[in-house]
Amino acid sequence: MYRVKLTPAAVKMFNALHPTIKSRIKSRLKELYHNPCQGKALRDELSSFRSLKMKRYRAVYRVDHEHKEAVVYAIGHRRNIYERVSSLKQP
């Protein structure tokens, strides 16, 4: 089983969402506990990330197999989530 962690930026994005959307996202993120690689692998400069689809929203995260964690870096609407992730400083 993996731990699911949200970065401070992801928490801020999550808290800004409508409560109905938050509940859908929460239930979808819980699925990462058992299968953290279910999201789509991204390409190009975001190749180290995966994207978990939730209707029109996405959670962009990395899987750390060594520490058994899925770290969520951003949550938001599909139209601008990838630009937001690109603008975040990547460790």
N, C-alpha and C. Protein backbone atom coordinates (compact mmCIF):
# COMPACT_ATOMS: atom_id res chain seq x y z
N MET A 1 0.82 -1.18 0.00
CA MET A 1 0.00 0.00 0.00
C MET A 1 0.88 1.26 0.00
N TYR A 2 0.47 2.24 -0.76
CA TYR A 2 1.22 3.50 -0.89
C TYR A 2 0.53 4.60 -0.09
N ARG A 3 1.33 5.55 0.35
CA ARG A 3 0.81 6.76 0.98
C ARG A 3 0.56 7.79 -0.11
N VAL A 4 -0.50 8.56 0.03
CA VAL A 4 -0.79 9.63 -0.92
C VAL A 4 -0.58 10.95 -0.19
N LYS A 5 0.35 11.76 -0.70
CA LYS A 5 0.67 13.05 -0.08
C LYS A 5 0.41 14.17 -1.07
N LEU A 6 -0.04 15.30 -0.58
CA LEU A 6 -0.23 16.47 -1.42
C LEU A 6 0.80 17.53 -1.02
N THR A 7 1.40 18.15 -2.01
CA THR A 7 2.32 19.25 -1.74
C THR A 7 1.49 20.45 -1.26
N PRO A 8 2.12 21.44 -0.63
CA PRO A 8 1.37 22.64 -0.22
C PRO A 8 0.64 23.31 -1.39
N ALA A 9 1.26 23.32 -2.57
CA ALA A 9 0.62 23.92 -3.74
C ALA A 9 -0.63 23.12 -4.14
N ALA A 10 -0.55 21.81 -4.07
CA ALA A 10 -1.71 20.96 -4.41
C ALA A 10 -2.83 21.14 -3.40
N VAL A 11 -2.48 21.28 -2.13
CA VAL A 11 -3.49 21.52 -1.09
C VAL A 11 -4.22 22.83 -1.36
N LYS A 12 -3.48 23.85 -1.72
CA LYS A 12 -4.08 25.16 -2.02
C LYS A 12 -5.03 25.06 -3.22
N MET A 13 -4.59 24.34 -4.26
CA MET A 13 -5.44 24.16 -5.45
C MET A 13 -6.70 23.36 -5.09
N PHE A 14 -6.52 22.32 -4.29
CA PHE A 14 -7.64 21.47 -3.87
C PHE A 14 -8.66 22.29 -3.06
N ASN A 15 -8.19 23.08 -2.12
CA ASN A 15 -9.08 23.87 -1.27
C ASN A 15 -9.86 24.93 -2.04
N ALA A 16 -9.37 25.34 -3.19
CA ALA A 16 -10.05 26.36 -4.00
C ALA A 16 -11.19 25.78 -4.84
N LEU A 17 -11.32 24.46 -4.87
CA LEU A 17 -12.34 23.82 -5.70
C LEU A 17 -13.71 23.77 -5.02
N HIS A 18 -14.73 23.56 -5.83
CA HIS A 18 -16.10 23.42 -5.34
C HIS A 18 -16.21 22.12 -4.53
N PRO A 19 -17.00 22.11 -3.46
CA PRO A 19 -17.12 20.91 -2.60
C PRO A 19 -17.50 19.63 -3.35
N THR A 20 -18.36 19.72 -4.34
CA THR A 20 -18.75 18.53 -5.11
C THR A 20 -17.55 17.95 -5.85
N ILE A 21 -16.77 18.82 -6.44
CA ILE A 21 -15.58 18.39 -7.18
C ILE A 21 -14.55 17.81 -6.20
N LYS A 22 -14.41 18.45 -5.04
CA LYS A 22 -13.48 17.95 -4.01
C LYS A 22 -13.80 16.51 -3.63
N SER A 23 -15.07 16.20 -3.44
CA SER A 23 -15.43 14.84 -3.01
C SER A 23 -15.10 13.83 -4.10
N ARG A 24 -15.34 14.18 -5.37
CA ARG A 24 -14.98 13.27 -6.48
C ARG A 24 -13.46 13.05 -6.52
N ILE A 25 -12.72 14.13 -6.37
CA ILE A 25 -11.26 14.04 -6.41
C ILE A 25 -10.74 13.21 -5.25
N LYS A 26 -11.29 13.42 -4.07
CA LYS A 26 -10.87 12.65 -2.89
C LYS A 26 -11.05 11.16 -3.10
N SER A 27 -12.21 10.76 -3.61
CA SER A 27 -12.46 9.34 -3.81
C SER A 27 -11.54 8.76 -4.88
N ARG A 28 -11.25 9.55 -5.90
CA ARG A 28 -10.33 9.09 -6.96
C ARG A 28 -8.90 8.98 -6.44
N LEU A 29 -8.48 9.92 -5.61
CA LEU A 29 -7.12 9.87 -5.05
C LEU A 29 -6.94 8.67 -4.13
N LYS A 30 -8.01 8.25 -3.46
CA LYS A 30 -7.93 7.08 -2.59
C LYS A 30 -7.55 5.82 -3.36
N GLU A 31 -7.88 5.78 -4.64
CA GLU A 31 -7.53 4.63 -5.47
C GLU A 31 -6.01 4.49 -5.65
N LEU A 32 -5.29 5.59 -5.46
CA LEU A 32 -3.83 5.55 -5.60
C LEU A 32 -3.17 4.74 -4.48
N TYR A 33 -3.86 4.56 -3.36
CA TYR A 33 -3.30 3.77 -2.26
C TYR A 33 -2.92 2.36 -2.73
N HIS A 34 -3.79 1.79 -3.56
CA HIS A 34 -3.58 0.41 -3.99
C HIS A 34 -2.91 0.29 -5.35
N ASN A 35 -3.11 1.27 -6.20
CA ASN A 35 -2.54 1.21 -7.55
C ASN A 35 -2.03 2.60 -7.96
N PRO A 36 -0.84 2.98 -7.51
CA PRO A 36 -0.35 4.34 -7.78
C PRO A 36 0.03 4.59 -9.24
N CYS A 37 0.17 3.55 -10.02
CA CYS A 37 0.58 3.74 -11.42
C CYS A 37 -0.60 3.74 -12.39
N GLN A 38 -1.81 3.89 -11.88
CA GLN A 38 -2.97 3.85 -12.76
C GLN A 38 -3.13 5.08 -13.63
N GLY A 39 -2.56 6.20 -13.24
CA GLY A 39 -2.65 7.41 -14.05
C GLY A 39 -1.80 7.30 -15.31
N LYS A 40 -2.11 8.15 -16.25
CA LYS A 40 -1.40 8.17 -17.53
C LYS A 40 -0.02 8.81 -17.36
N ALA A 41 1.00 8.18 -17.90
CA ALA A 41 2.35 8.75 -17.87
C ALA A 41 2.40 9.94 -18.82
N LEU A 42 2.97 11.03 -18.35
CA LEU A 42 3.08 12.24 -19.17
C LEU A 42 4.36 12.20 -19.99
N ARG A 43 4.46 13.13 -20.94
CA ARG A 43 5.61 13.14 -21.85
C ARG A 43 6.38 14.45 -21.79
N ASP A 44 7.47 14.47 -22.52
CA ASP A 44 8.33 15.65 -22.67
C ASP A 44 8.86 16.14 -21.33
N GLU A 45 8.73 17.45 -21.05
CA GLU A 45 9.32 17.98 -19.82
C GLU A 45 8.59 17.51 -18.56
N LEU A 46 7.42 16.91 -18.71
CA LEU A 46 6.68 16.37 -17.56
C LEU A 46 6.74 14.84 -17.50
N SER A 47 7.75 14.27 -18.10
CA SER A 47 7.83 12.81 -18.22
C SER A 47 7.98 12.08 -16.88
N SER A 48 8.37 12.77 -15.84
CA SER A 48 8.50 12.10 -14.54
C SER A 48 7.18 12.10 -13.77
N PHE A 49 6.13 12.68 -14.36
CA PHE A 49 4.82 12.78 -13.71
C PHE A 49 3.81 11.84 -14.35
N ARG A 50 2.73 11.63 -13.61
CA ARG A 50 1.58 10.89 -14.11
C ARG A 50 0.35 11.78 -13.91
N SER A 51 -0.70 11.52 -14.69
CA SER A 51 -1.91 12.32 -14.60
C SER A 51 -3.10 11.41 -14.33
N LEU A 52 -3.82 11.68 -13.25
CA LEU A 52 -5.00 10.92 -12.88
C LEU A 52 -6.22 11.70 -13.32
N LYS A 53 -7.04 11.08 -14.15
CA LYS A 53 -8.19 11.74 -14.76
C LYS A 53 -9.42 11.62 -13.86
N MET A 54 -10.13 12.75 -13.69
CA MET A 54 -11.38 12.79 -12.94
C MET A 54 -12.33 13.71 -13.69
N LYS A 55 -13.05 13.15 -14.65
CA LYS A 55 -13.90 13.93 -15.56
C LYS A 55 -13.09 15.04 -16.19
N ARG A 56 -13.40 16.31 -15.90
CA ARG A 56 -12.67 17.43 -16.51
C ARG A 56 -11.48 17.88 -15.69
N TYR A 57 -11.20 17.20 -14.61
CA TYR A 57 -10.12 17.59 -13.72
C TYR A 57 -8.99 16.56 -13.76
N ARG A 58 -7.80 17.02 -13.38
CA ARG A 58 -6.64 16.14 -13.35
C ARG A 58 -5.87 16.37 -12.05
N ALA A 59 -5.25 15.29 -11.58
CA ALA A 59 -4.29 15.37 -10.49
C ALA A 59 -2.96 14.93 -11.09
N VAL A 60 -1.96 15.77 -10.99
CA VAL A 60 -0.65 15.46 -11.54
C VAL A 60 0.26 15.07 -10.38
N TYR A 61 0.86 13.88 -10.49
CA TYR A 61 1.61 13.33 -9.36
C TYR A 61 2.81 12.53 -9.82
N ARG A 62 3.68 12.23 -8.87
CA ARG A 62 4.84 11.35 -9.09
C ARG A 62 4.72 10.17 -8.14
N VAL A 63 5.22 9.04 -8.59
CA VAL A 63 5.24 7.84 -7.74
C VAL A 63 6.67 7.62 -7.27
N ASP A 64 6.82 7.48 -5.97
CA ASP A 64 8.12 7.19 -5.36
C ASP A 64 8.03 5.77 -4.82
N HIS A 65 8.51 4.80 -5.62
CA HIS A 65 8.42 3.39 -5.24
C HIS A 65 9.29 3.07 -4.03
N GLU A 66 10.41 3.76 -3.92
CA GLU A 66 11.33 3.49 -2.81
C GLU A 66 10.67 3.79 -1.45
N HIS A 67 9.96 4.90 -1.38
CA HIS A 67 9.30 5.29 -0.13
C HIS A 67 7.82 4.92 -0.09
N LYS A 68 7.35 4.26 -1.16
CA LYS A 68 5.95 3.85 -1.29
C LYS A 68 5.00 5.04 -1.09
N GLU A 69 5.22 6.07 -1.94
CA GLU A 69 4.41 7.27 -1.88
C GLU A 69 3.98 7.69 -3.28
N ALA A 70 2.80 8.30 -3.33
CA ALA A 70 2.34 9.00 -4.52
C ALA A 70 2.20 10.45 -4.08
N VAL A 71 3.02 11.33 -4.66
CA VAL A 71 3.04 12.73 -4.25
C VAL A 71 2.32 13.56 -5.31
N VAL A 72 1.22 14.19 -4.91
CA VAL A 72 0.41 15.00 -5.81
C VAL A 72 0.96 16.42 -5.81
N TYR A 73 1.29 16.92 -7.01
CA TYR A 73 1.88 18.24 -7.16
C TYR A 73 0.86 19.30 -7.56
N ALA A 74 -0.21 18.89 -8.26
CA ALA A 74 -1.20 19.87 -8.71
C ALA A 74 -2.53 19.17 -8.97
N ILE A 75 -3.60 19.92 -8.73
CA ILE A 75 -4.95 19.45 -9.00
C ILE A 75 -5.69 20.60 -9.65
N GLY A 76 -6.35 20.34 -10.79
CA GLY A 76 -7.09 21.42 -11.43
C GLY A 76 -7.75 20.99 -12.71
N HIS A 77 -8.35 21.95 -13.38
CA HIS A 77 -9.07 21.72 -14.63
C HIS A 77 -8.08 21.34 -15.73
N ARG A 78 -8.50 20.49 -16.61
CA ARG A 78 -7.60 19.98 -17.66
C ARG A 78 -7.10 21.06 -18.60
N ARG A 79 -7.82 22.17 -18.74
CA ARG A 79 -7.41 23.19 -19.70
C ARG A 79 -6.11 23.89 -19.33
N ASN A 80 -5.78 23.93 -18.01
CA ASN A 80 -4.56 24.67 -17.63
C ASN A 80 -3.69 23.96 -16.60
N ILE A 81 -4.00 22.75 -16.25
CA ILE A 81 -3.25 22.07 -15.19
C ILE A 81 -1.80 21.80 -15.59
N TYR A 82 -1.56 21.46 -16.82
CA TYR A 82 -0.20 21.10 -17.23
C TYR A 82 0.72 22.32 -17.27
N GLU A 83 0.17 23.48 -17.63
CA GLU A 83 0.96 24.71 -17.59
C GLU A 83 1.29 25.07 -16.14
N ARG A 84 0.33 24.83 -15.24
CA ARG A 84 0.57 25.13 -13.83
C ARG A 84 1.65 24.23 -13.26
N VAL A 85 1.67 22.97 -13.66
CA VAL A 85 2.70 22.05 -13.18
C VAL A 85 4.06 22.46 -13.73
N SER A 86 4.10 22.86 -14.98
CA SER A 86 5.37 23.28 -15.58
C SER A 86 5.96 24.48 -14.86
N SER A 87 5.08 25.33 -14.33
CA SER A 87 5.56 26.54 -13.65
C SER A 87 6.05 26.27 -12.23
N LEU A 88 5.65 25.13 -11.64
CA LEU A 88 6.11 24.79 -10.30
C LEU A 88 7.55 24.34 -10.35
N LYS A 89 8.28 24.62 -9.29
CA LYS A 89 9.66 24.16 -9.24
C LYS A 89 9.66 22.67 -8.96
N GLN A 90 10.33 21.93 -9.81
CA GLN A 90 10.38 20.49 -9.68
C GLN A 90 11.62 20.09 -8.89
N PRO A 91 11.44 19.22 -7.88
CA PRO A 91 12.60 18.79 -7.07
C PRO A 91 13.53 17.88 -7.86
